[in-house]
Amino acid sequence: MRVTPGASREDVKIADDGPVQLRVSARPVDGAANEAVLRLLAAALARPRRDLTLLRGDSARVKLIGVASE
């Protein structure tokens, strides 16, 4: 997924032919944007935050998120 930190509003966009795009208002300081991404995605998927893990892309805009199976 592609992340835009420091956005004016938070949202999730799922395109048919591209990556999932997340916009979060948190700035990329001390992992705040990464945590905001995980919280926003958890809410969009109706899953608890503890089920999501940042697998790749800690300091990049393109991230790989793991979702635990139920």
PDB file of N, CA and C in Angstrom:
ATOM      1  N   MET A   1       0.828  -1.172   0.000  1.00  0.00           N
ATOM      2  CA  MET A   1       0.000   0.000   0.000  1.00  0.00           C
ATOM      3  C   MET A   1       0.870   1.232   0.000  1.00  0.00           C
ATOM      4  N   ARG A   2       0.306   2.290  -0.501  1.00  0.00           N
ATOM      5  CA  ARG A   2       1.028   3.565  -0.580  1.00  0.00           C
ATOM      6  C   ARG A   2       0.457   4.506   0.463  1.00  0.00           C
ATOM      7  N   VAL A   3       1.337   5.124   1.237  1.00  0.00           N
ATOM      8  CA  VAL A   3       0.932   5.965   2.360  1.00  0.00           C
ATOM      9  C   VAL A   3       1.349   7.412   2.113  1.00  0.00           C
ATOM     10  N   THR A   4       0.442   8.332   2.452  1.00  0.00           N
ATOM     11  CA  THR A   4       0.745   9.756   2.428  1.00  0.00           C
ATOM     12  C   THR A   4       0.606  10.277   3.853  1.00  0.00           C
ATOM     13  N   PRO A   5       1.733  10.528   4.541  1.00  0.00           N
ATOM     14  CA  PRO A   5       1.662  11.084   5.898  1.00  0.00           C
ATOM     15  C   PRO A   5       1.458  12.592   5.855  1.00  0.00           C
ATOM     16  N   GLY A   6       0.965  13.151   6.941  1.00  0.00           N
ATOM     17  CA  GLY A   6       0.775  14.593   7.027  1.00  0.00           C
ATOM     18  C   GLY A   6      -0.350  15.123   6.177  1.00  0.00           C
ATOM     19  N   ALA A   7      -1.310  14.282   5.832  1.00  0.00           N
ATOM     20  CA  ALA A   7      -2.443  14.705   5.003  1.00  0.00           C
ATOM     21  C   ALA A   7      -3.424  15.536   5.832  1.00  0.00           C
ATOM     22  N   SER A   8      -4.249  16.300   5.151  1.00  0.00           N
ATOM     23  CA  SER A   8      -5.225  17.122   5.860  1.00  0.00           C
ATOM     24  C   SER A   8      -6.389  16.303   6.406  1.00  0.00           C
ATOM     25  N   ARG A   9      -6.617  15.130   5.820  1.00  0.00           N
ATOM     26  CA  ARG A   9      -7.674  14.242   6.323  1.00  0.00           C
ATOM     27  C   ARG A   9      -7.224  12.790   6.142  1.00  0.00           C
ATOM     28  N   GLU A  10      -7.830  11.911   6.889  1.00  0.00           N
ATOM     29  CA  GLU A  10      -7.467  10.503   6.807  1.00  0.00           C
ATOM     30  C   GLU A  10      -8.504   9.747   5.984  1.00  0.00           C
ATOM     31  N   ASP A  11      -8.015   8.901   5.063  1.00  0.00           N
ATOM     32  CA  ASP A  11      -8.924   8.059   4.298  1.00  0.00           C
ATOM     33  C   ASP A  11      -8.175   6.895   3.663  1.00  0.00           C
ATOM     34  N   VAL A  12      -8.957   5.945   3.175  1.00  0.00           N
ATOM     35  CA  VAL A  12      -8.439   4.757   2.509  1.00  0.00           C
ATOM     36  C   VAL A  12      -9.079   4.708   1.133  1.00  0.00           C
ATOM     37  N   LYS A  13      -8.261   4.538   0.098  1.00  0.00           N
ATOM     38  CA  LYS A  13      -8.771   4.411  -1.269  1.00  0.00           C
ATOM     39  C   LYS A  13      -8.295   3.083  -1.833  1.00  0.00           C
ATOM     40  N   ILE A  14      -9.234   2.324  -2.363  1.00  0.00           N
ATOM     41  CA  ILE A  14      -8.905   1.048  -2.978  1.00  0.00           C
ATOM     42  C   ILE A  14      -9.213   1.170  -4.456  1.00  0.00           C
ATOM     43  N   ALA A  15      -8.171   1.139  -5.282  1.00  0.00           N
ATOM     44  CA  ALA A  15      -8.321   1.249  -6.733  1.00  0.00           C
ATOM     45  C   ALA A  15      -8.370  -0.153  -7.339  1.00  0.00           C
ATOM     46  N   ASP A  16      -9.045  -0.273  -8.459  1.00  0.00           N
ATOM     47  CA  ASP A  16      -9.128  -1.564  -9.139  1.00  0.00           C
ATOM     48  C   ASP A  16      -7.793  -2.012  -9.717  1.00  0.00           C
ATOM     49  N   ASP A  17      -7.002  -1.065 -10.172  1.00  0.00           N
ATOM     50  CA  ASP A  17      -5.774  -1.423 -10.882  1.00  0.00           C
ATOM     51  C   ASP A  17      -4.492  -0.928 -10.213  1.00  0.00           C
ATOM     52  N   GLY A  18      -4.557  -0.484  -8.988  1.00  0.00           N
ATOM     53  CA  GLY A  18      -3.371   0.043  -8.316  1.00  0.00           C
ATOM     54  C   GLY A  18      -3.314  -0.358  -6.864  1.00  0.00           C
ATOM     55  N   PRO A  19      -2.341   0.170  -6.154  1.00  0.00           N
ATOM     56  CA  PRO A  19      -2.216  -0.183  -4.737  1.00  0.00           C
ATOM     57  C   PRO A  19      -3.277   0.496  -3.883  1.00  0.00           C
ATOM     58  N   VAL A  20      -3.494  -0.040  -2.710  1.00  0.00           N
ATOM     59  CA  VAL A  20      -4.349   0.612  -1.722  1.00  0.00           C
ATOM     60  C   VAL A  20      -3.627   1.887  -1.302  1.00  0.00           C
ATOM     61  N   GLN A  21      -4.359   2.990  -1.204  1.00  0.00           N
ATOM     62  CA  GLN A  21      -3.760   4.262  -0.819  1.00  0.00           C
ATOM     63  C   GLN A  21      -4.355   4.711   0.502  1.00  0.00           C
ATOM     64  N   LEU A  22      -3.480   5.018   1.447  1.00  0.00           N
ATOM     65  CA  LEU A  22      -3.900   5.512   2.750  1.00  0.00           C
ATOM     66  C   LEU A  22      -3.340   6.905   2.958  1.00  0.00           C
ATOM     67  N   ARG A  23      -4.162   7.786   3.485  1.00  0.00           N
ATOM     68  CA  ARG A  23      -3.718   9.127   3.864  1.00  0.00           C
ATOM     69  C   ARG A  23      -3.961   9.266   5.353  1.00  0.00           C
ATOM     70  N   VAL A  24      -2.905   9.643   6.069  1.00  0.00           N
ATOM     71  CA  VAL A  24      -3.011   9.832   7.518  1.00  0.00           C
ATOM     72  C   VAL A  24      -2.522  11.227   7.869  1.00  0.00           C
ATOM     73  N   SER A  25      -3.094  11.804   8.906  1.00  0.00           N
ATOM     74  CA  SER A  25      -2.719  13.160   9.306  1.00  0.00           C
ATOM     75  C   SER A  25      -1.444  13.181  10.140  1.00  0.00           C
ATOM     76  N   ALA A  26      -1.067  12.065  10.713  1.00  0.00           N
ATOM     77  CA  ALA A  26       0.143  12.007  11.543  1.00  0.00           C
ATOM     78  C   ALA A  26       1.393  12.227  10.686  1.00  0.00           C
ATOM     79  N   ARG A  27       2.353  12.906  11.252  1.00  0.00           N
ATOM     80  CA  ARG A  27       3.639  13.141  10.594  1.00  0.00           C
ATOM     81  C   ARG A  27       4.544  11.923  10.801  1.00  0.00           C
ATOM     82  N   PRO A  28       5.478  11.690   9.900  1.00  0.00           N
ATOM     83  CA  PRO A  28       6.376  10.540  10.035  1.00  0.00           C
ATOM     84  C   PRO A  28       7.500  10.794  11.044  1.00  0.00           C
ATOM     85  N   VAL A  29       7.117  11.000  12.291  1.00  0.00           N
ATOM     86  CA  VAL A  29       8.085  11.261  13.355  1.00  0.00           C
ATOM     87  C   VAL A  29       7.902  10.207  14.445  1.00  0.00           C
ATOM     88  N   ASP A  30       8.977   9.525  14.778  1.00  0.00           N
ATOM     89  CA  ASP A  30       8.970   8.510  15.844  1.00  0.00           C
ATOM     90  C   ASP A  30       7.911   7.435  15.638  1.00  0.00           C
ATOM     91  N   GLY A  31       7.636   7.070  14.403  1.00  0.00           N
ATOM     92  CA  GLY A  31       6.696   5.994  14.107  1.00  0.00           C
ATOM     93  C   GLY A  31       5.230   6.364  14.225  1.00  0.00           C
ATOM     94  N   ALA A  32       4.925   7.650  14.400  1.00  0.00           N
ATOM     95  CA  ALA A  32       3.532   8.079  14.565  1.00  0.00           C
ATOM     96  C   ALA A  32       2.706   7.800  13.317  1.00  0.00           C
ATOM     97  N   ALA A  33       3.264   8.030  12.146  1.00  0.00           N
ATOM     98  CA  ALA A  33       2.518   7.784  10.906  1.00  0.00           C
ATOM     99  C   ALA A  33       2.281   6.293  10.711  1.00  0.00           C
ATOM    100  N   ASN A  34       3.263   5.464  11.031  1.00  0.00           N
ATOM    101  CA  ASN A  34       3.082   4.017  10.899  1.00  0.00           C
ATOM    102  C   ASN A  34       1.965   3.518  11.820  1.00  0.00           C
ATOM    103  N   GLU A  35       1.940   4.008  13.026  1.00  0.00           N
ATOM    104  CA  GLU A  35       0.888   3.607  13.964  1.00  0.00           C
ATOM    105  C   GLU A  35      -0.476   4.084  13.475  1.00  0.00           C
ATOM    106  N   ALA A  36      -0.529   5.296  12.926  1.00  0.00           N
ATOM    107  CA  ALA A  36      -1.784   5.824  12.383  1.00  0.00           C
ATOM    108  C   ALA A  36      -2.257   4.979  11.202  1.00  0.00           C
ATOM    109  N   VAL A  37      -1.331   4.524  10.367  1.00  0.00           N
ATOM    110  CA  VAL A  37      -1.669   3.659   9.233  1.00  0.00           C
ATOM    111  C   VAL A  37      -2.295   2.363   9.736  1.00  0.00           C
ATOM    112  N   LEU A  38      -1.683   1.758  10.741  1.00  0.00           N
ATOM    113  CA  LEU A  38      -2.201   0.487  11.264  1.00  0.00           C
ATOM    114  C   LEU A  38      -3.579   0.669  11.901  1.00  0.00           C
ATOM    115  N   ARG A  39      -3.772   1.765  12.633  1.00  0.00           N
ATOM    116  CA  ARG A  39      -5.085   2.020  13.239  1.00  0.00           C
ATOM    117  C   ARG A  39      -6.161   2.268  12.187  1.00  0.00           C
ATOM    118  N   LEU A  40      -5.828   3.067  11.160  1.00  0.00           N
ATOM    119  CA  LEU A  40      -6.794   3.377  10.100  1.00  0.00           C
ATOM    120  C   LEU A  40      -7.158   2.122   9.309  1.00  0.00           C
ATOM    121  N   LEU A  41      -6.169   1.328   8.964  1.00  0.00           N
ATOM    122  CA  LEU A  41      -6.435   0.104   8.212  1.00  0.00           C
ATOM    123  C   LEU A  41      -7.226  -0.898   9.046  1.00  0.00           C
ATOM    124  N   ALA A  42      -6.918  -0.999  10.325  1.00  0.00           N
ATOM    125  CA  ALA A  42      -7.673  -1.899  11.214  1.00  0.00           C
ATOM    126  C   ALA A  42      -9.142  -1.482  11.262  1.00  0.00           C
ATOM    127  N   ALA A  43      -9.394  -0.193  11.356  1.00  0.00           N
ATOM    128  CA  ALA A  43     -10.777   0.294  11.375  1.00  0.00           C
ATOM    129  C   ALA A  43     -11.475   0.002  10.057  1.00  0.00           C
ATOM    130  N   ALA A  44     -10.766   0.191   8.934  1.00  0.00           N
ATOM    131  CA  ALA A  44     -11.355  -0.060   7.614  1.00  0.00           C
ATOM    132  C   ALA A  44     -11.681  -1.533   7.416  1.00  0.00           C
ATOM    133  N   LEU A  45     -10.873  -2.402   8.009  1.00  0.00           N
ATOM    134  CA  LEU A  45     -11.090  -3.847   7.884  1.00  0.00           C
ATOM    135  C   LEU A  45     -11.963  -4.416   8.996  1.00  0.00           C
ATOM    136  N   ALA A  46     -12.369  -3.571   9.935  1.00  0.00           N
ATOM    137  CA  ALA A  46     -13.160  -3.994  11.101  1.00  0.00           C
ATOM    138  C   ALA A  46     -12.431  -5.101  11.877  1.00  0.00           C
ATOM    139  N   ARG A  47     -11.140  -4.883  12.080  1.00  0.00           N
ATOM    140  CA  ARG A  47     -10.305  -5.820  12.822  1.00  0.00           C
ATOM    141  C   ARG A  47      -9.642  -5.065  13.964  1.00  0.00           C
ATOM    142  N   PRO A  48      -9.279  -5.757  15.037  1.00  0.00           N
ATOM    143  CA  PRO A  48      -8.547  -5.072  16.104  1.00  0.00           C
ATOM    144  C   PRO A  48      -7.134  -4.714  15.632  1.00  0.00           C
ATOM    145  N   ARG A  49      -6.595  -3.650  16.152  1.00  0.00           N
ATOM    146  CA  ARG A  49      -5.261  -3.181  15.764  1.00  0.00           C
ATOM    147  C   ARG A  49      -4.200  -4.265  15.985  1.00  0.00           C
ATOM    148  N   ARG A  50      -4.376  -5.072  17.010  1.00  0.00           N
ATOM    149  CA  ARG A  50      -3.368  -6.098  17.320  1.00  0.00           C
ATOM    150  C   ARG A  50      -3.239  -7.154  16.223  1.00  0.00           C
ATOM    151  N   ASP A  51      -4.210  -7.245  15.300  1.00  0.00           N
ATOM    152  CA  ASP A  51      -4.156  -8.219  14.208  1.00  0.00           C
ATOM    153  C   ASP A  51      -3.293  -7.747  13.032  1.00  0.00           C
ATOM    154  N   LEU A  52      -2.851  -6.504  13.046  1.00  0.00           N
ATOM    155  CA  LEU A  52      -2.067  -5.960  11.937  1.00  0.00           C
ATOM    156  C   LEU A  52      -0.619  -5.739  12.359  1.00  0.00           C
ATOM    157  N   THR A  53       0.292  -6.045  11.433  1.00  0.00           N
ATOM    158  CA  THR A  53       1.724  -5.892  11.682  1.00  0.00           C
ATOM    159  C   THR A  53       2.381  -5.245  10.470  1.00  0.00           C
ATOM    160  N   LEU A  54       3.233  -4.285  10.724  1.00  0.00           N
ATOM    161  CA  LEU A  54       4.016  -3.676   9.653  1.00  0.00           C
ATOM    162  C   LEU A  54       5.167  -4.621   9.332  1.00  0.00           C
ATOM    163  N   LEU A  55       5.139  -5.208   8.135  1.00  0.00           N
ATOM    164  CA  LEU A  55       6.154  -6.186   7.742  1.00  0.00           C
ATOM    165  C   LEU A  55       7.329  -5.546   7.015  1.00  0.00           C
ATOM    166  N   ARG A  56       7.056  -4.535   6.206  1.00  0.00           N
ATOM    167  CA  ARG A  56       8.096  -3.908   5.399  1.00  0.00           C
ATOM    168  C   ARG A  56       7.720  -2.459   5.129  1.00  0.00           C
ATOM    169  N   GLY A  57       8.719  -1.593   5.059  1.00  0.00           N
ATOM    170  CA  GLY A  57       8.474  -0.205   4.697  1.00  0.00           C
ATOM    171  C   GLY A  57       8.383   0.735   5.871  1.00  0.00           C
ATOM    172  N   ASP A  58       9.115   0.439   6.933  1.00  0.00           N
ATOM    173  CA  ASP A  58       9.058   1.259   8.144  1.00  0.00           C
ATOM    174  C   ASP A  58       9.297   2.743   7.860  1.00  0.00           C
ATOM    175  N   SER A  59      10.243   3.052   6.985  1.00  0.00           N
ATOM    176  CA  SER A  59      10.551   4.452   6.702  1.00  0.00           C
ATOM    177  C   SER A  59      10.263   4.821   5.247  1.00  0.00           C
ATOM    178  N   ALA A  60       9.452   4.020   4.572  1.00  0.00           N
ATOM    179  CA  ALA A  60       9.112   4.268   3.171  1.00  0.00           C
ATOM    180  C   ALA A  60       7.621   4.564   3.020  1.00  0.00           C
ATOM    181  N   ARG A  61       7.249   5.133   1.893  1.00  0.00           N
ATOM    182  CA  ARG A  61       5.833   5.392   1.639  1.00  0.00           C
ATOM    183  C   ARG A  61       5.085   4.135   1.214  1.00  0.00           C
ATOM    184  N   VAL A  62       5.785   3.186   0.612  1.00  0.00           N
ATOM    185  CA  VAL A  62       5.170   1.915   0.219  1.00  0.00           C
ATOM    186  C   VAL A  62       5.404   0.923   1.351  1.00  0.00           C
ATOM    187  N   LYS A  63       4.324   0.363   1.866  1.00  0.00           N
ATOM    188  CA  LYS A  63       4.401  -0.516   3.030  1.00  0.00           C
ATOM    189  C   LYS A  63       3.722  -1.849   2.755  1.00  0.00           C
ATOM    190  N   LEU A  64       4.202  -2.859   3.450  1.00  0.00           N
ATOM    191  CA  LEU A  64       3.588  -4.182   3.400  1.00  0.00           C
ATOM    192  C   LEU A  64       3.053  -4.466   4.798  1.00  0.00           C
ATOM    193  N   ILE A  65       1.755  -4.723   4.891  1.00  0.00           N
ATOM    194  CA  ILE A  65       1.094  -4.950   6.172  1.00  0.00           C
ATOM    195  C   ILE A  65       0.608  -6.387   6.231  1.00  0.00           C
ATOM    196  N   GLY A  66       0.878  -7.058   7.332  1.00  0.00           N
ATOM    197  CA  GLY A  66       0.367  -8.403   7.543  1.00  0.00           C
ATOM    198  C   GLY A  66      -0.881  -8.359   8.389  1.00  0.00           C
ATOM    199  N   VAL A  67      -1.853  -9.185   8.041  1.00  0.00           N
ATOM    200  CA  VAL A  67      -3.099  -9.280   8.795  1.00  0.00           C
ATOM    201  C   VAL A  67      -3.229 -10.695   9.307  1.00  0.00           C
ATOM    202  N   ALA A  68      -3.367 -10.850  10.618  1.00  0.00           N
ATOM    203  CA  ALA A  68      -3.474 -12.173  11.230  1.00  0.00           C
ATOM    204  C   ALA A  68      -4.779 -12.836  10.814  1.00  0.00           C
ATOM    205  N   SER A  69      -4.728 -14.140  10.621  1.00  0.00           N
ATOM    206  CA  SER A  69      -5.950 -14.877  10.279  1.00  0.00           C
ATOM    207  C   SER A  69      -6.824 -14.998  11.517  1.00  0.00           C
ATOM    208  N   GLU A  70      -8.087 -15.171  11.275  1.00  0.00           N
ATOM    209  CA  GLU A  70      -9.042 -15.221  12.396  1.00  0.00           C
ATOM    210  C   GLU A  70      -9.010 -16.519  13.084  1.00  0.00           C
TER     211      GLU A  70
END
